Amino acid sequence: MVPLKVIGLAHGILFLAAGQEYRERFKETAVEPATPLWVDGRRDGMVVRLDSASDEPLVLVQLDPRATFRNGPYQVRLRHPLRRSATKPYAVESVESVEPAP
């Protein structure tokens, strides 16, 4: 799991950033079709892109139009890719909201 923080929201796209220490891991990670964003057990969007070019790697999520934006911590779960022809060793399983510690 990789912790993420919200850095922006524009036109239904949620921008989540990981720390610099995860940049190499994101370079080795693919996004497969229909990778979900889970918030409180509901599917509130889909991951559309990983961007590892900047110092802070980004996860871009297209929010569902009916979803309510939640500003808080998130995490990304990684797994091995489903496709045998995959060129990267990891794939995004899901992005989930995390309940903040009290």
Protein backbone atom coordinates (compact mmCIF):
# COMPACT_ATOMS: atom_id res chain seq x y z
CA MET A 1 0.00 0.00 0.00
CA VAL A 2 1.12 3.52 -0.79
CA PRO A 3 -0.26 6.49 1.23
CA LEU A 4 -1.69 9.38 -0.80
CA LYS A 5 -2.76 12.94 -0.02
CA VAL A 6 -5.20 15.17 -1.88
CA ILE A 7 -3.49 18.01 -3.74
CA GLY A 8 -6.35 19.17 -5.93
CA LEU A 9 -9.73 18.67 -7.57
CA ALA A 10 -10.67 20.16 -10.94
CA HIS A 11 -13.39 19.32 -13.47
CA GLY A 12 -14.17 16.01 -11.79
CA ILE A 13 -10.54 14.88 -11.65
CA LEU A 14 -9.08 14.17 -8.21
CA PHE A 15 -5.30 14.64 -7.94
CA LEU A 16 -3.61 12.49 -5.29
CA ALA A 17 0.13 12.64 -4.53
CA ALA A 18 2.47 10.03 -3.12
CA GLY A 19 5.82 10.77 -1.50
CA GLN A 20 9.04 11.00 -3.50
CA GLU A 21 10.13 7.63 -2.12
CA TYR A 22 7.39 5.95 -4.22
CA ARG A 23 8.45 7.48 -7.55
CA GLU A 24 10.38 4.41 -8.78
CA ARG A 25 7.55 2.08 -7.75
CA PHE A 26 5.05 4.18 -9.72
CA LYS A 27 7.30 3.99 -12.79
CA GLU A 28 6.90 0.19 -12.56
CA THR A 29 3.11 0.34 -12.13
CA ALA A 30 0.39 0.11 -14.77
CA VAL A 31 -3.24 1.22 -14.64
CA GLU A 32 -5.63 -1.39 -16.01
CA PRO A 33 -9.15 -0.51 -17.24
CA ALA A 34 -11.87 0.12 -14.63
CA THR A 35 -9.54 0.41 -11.61
CA PRO A 36 -11.87 1.68 -8.85
CA LEU A 37 -11.76 4.45 -6.27
CA TRP A 38 -13.49 3.23 -3.09
CA VAL A 39 -14.90 5.68 -0.52
CA ASP A 40 -16.77 4.23 2.47
CA GLY A 41 -17.34 0.98 0.55
CA ARG A 42 -18.81 2.75 -2.51
CA ARG A 43 -17.24 2.97 -5.93
CA ASP A 44 -16.90 6.74 -6.38
CA GLY A 45 -14.63 6.89 -9.41
CA MET A 46 -12.00 5.27 -11.60
CA VAL A 47 -8.24 5.66 -11.76
CA VAL A 48 -7.32 7.11 -15.14
CA ARG A 49 -3.59 7.71 -14.91
CA LEU A 50 -0.39 7.50 -12.90
CA ASP A 51 2.19 10.24 -13.40
CA SER A 52 5.67 9.47 -12.11
CA ALA A 53 7.45 12.23 -14.05
CA SER A 54 7.22 14.86 -11.31
CA ASP A 55 9.02 14.82 -7.94
CA GLU A 56 5.75 13.87 -6.24
CA PRO A 57 4.19 10.98 -8.19
CA LEU A 58 0.49 11.55 -8.93
CA VAL A 59 -2.60 9.37 -9.19
CA LEU A 60 -5.40 10.93 -11.27
CA VAL A 61 -8.94 9.74 -10.56
CA GLN A 62 -12.11 10.54 -12.56
CA LEU A 63 -14.84 11.01 -9.95
CA ASP A 64 -18.34 9.73 -10.50
CA PRO A 65 -20.69 12.74 -11.05
CA ARG A 66 -22.82 11.64 -8.07
CA ALA A 67 -19.84 11.22 -5.74
CA THR A 68 -19.26 13.55 -2.82
CA PHE A 69 -15.68 14.78 -2.61
CA ARG A 70 -13.87 13.63 0.52
CA ASN A 71 -10.79 15.63 1.50
CA GLY A 72 -8.61 13.30 3.53
CA PRO A 73 -5.99 10.60 3.29
CA TYR A 74 -6.16 7.88 0.62
CA GLN A 75 -4.07 4.84 -0.18
CA VAL A 76 -3.32 2.88 -3.33
CA ARG A 77 -3.15 -0.92 -3.33
CA LEU A 78 -0.80 -2.56 -5.81
CA ARG A 79 -0.86 -6.11 -7.20
CA HIS A 80 0.62 -8.12 -10.03
CA PRO A 81 -0.95 -7.28 -13.41
CA LEU A 82 -3.78 -9.47 -14.75
CA ARG A 83 -2.59 -9.53 -18.32
CA ARG A 84 0.18 -11.95 -19.25
CA SER A 85 1.49 -9.45 -21.78
CA ALA A 86 1.97 -6.74 -19.14
CA THR A 87 5.24 -4.86 -19.44
CA LYS A 88 5.30 -3.60 -15.85
CA PRO A 89 5.62 -5.74 -12.70
CA TYR A 90 2.81 -3.96 -10.77
CA ALA A 91 -0.73 -2.76 -11.41
CA VAL A 92 -3.09 -0.59 -9.37
CA GLU A 93 -5.68 -2.78 -7.63
CA SER A 94 -7.65 0.11 -6.13
CA VAL A 95 -7.48 3.53 -4.51
CA GLU A 96 -9.31 3.78 -1.17
CA SER A 97 -10.15 6.50 1.30
CA VAL A 98 -8.62 6.01 4.74
CA GLU A 99 -10.24 6.98 8.00
CA PRO A 100 -7.95 9.49 9.74
CA ALA A 101 -6.56 8.38 13.09
CA PRO A 102 -8.22 10.06 16.09
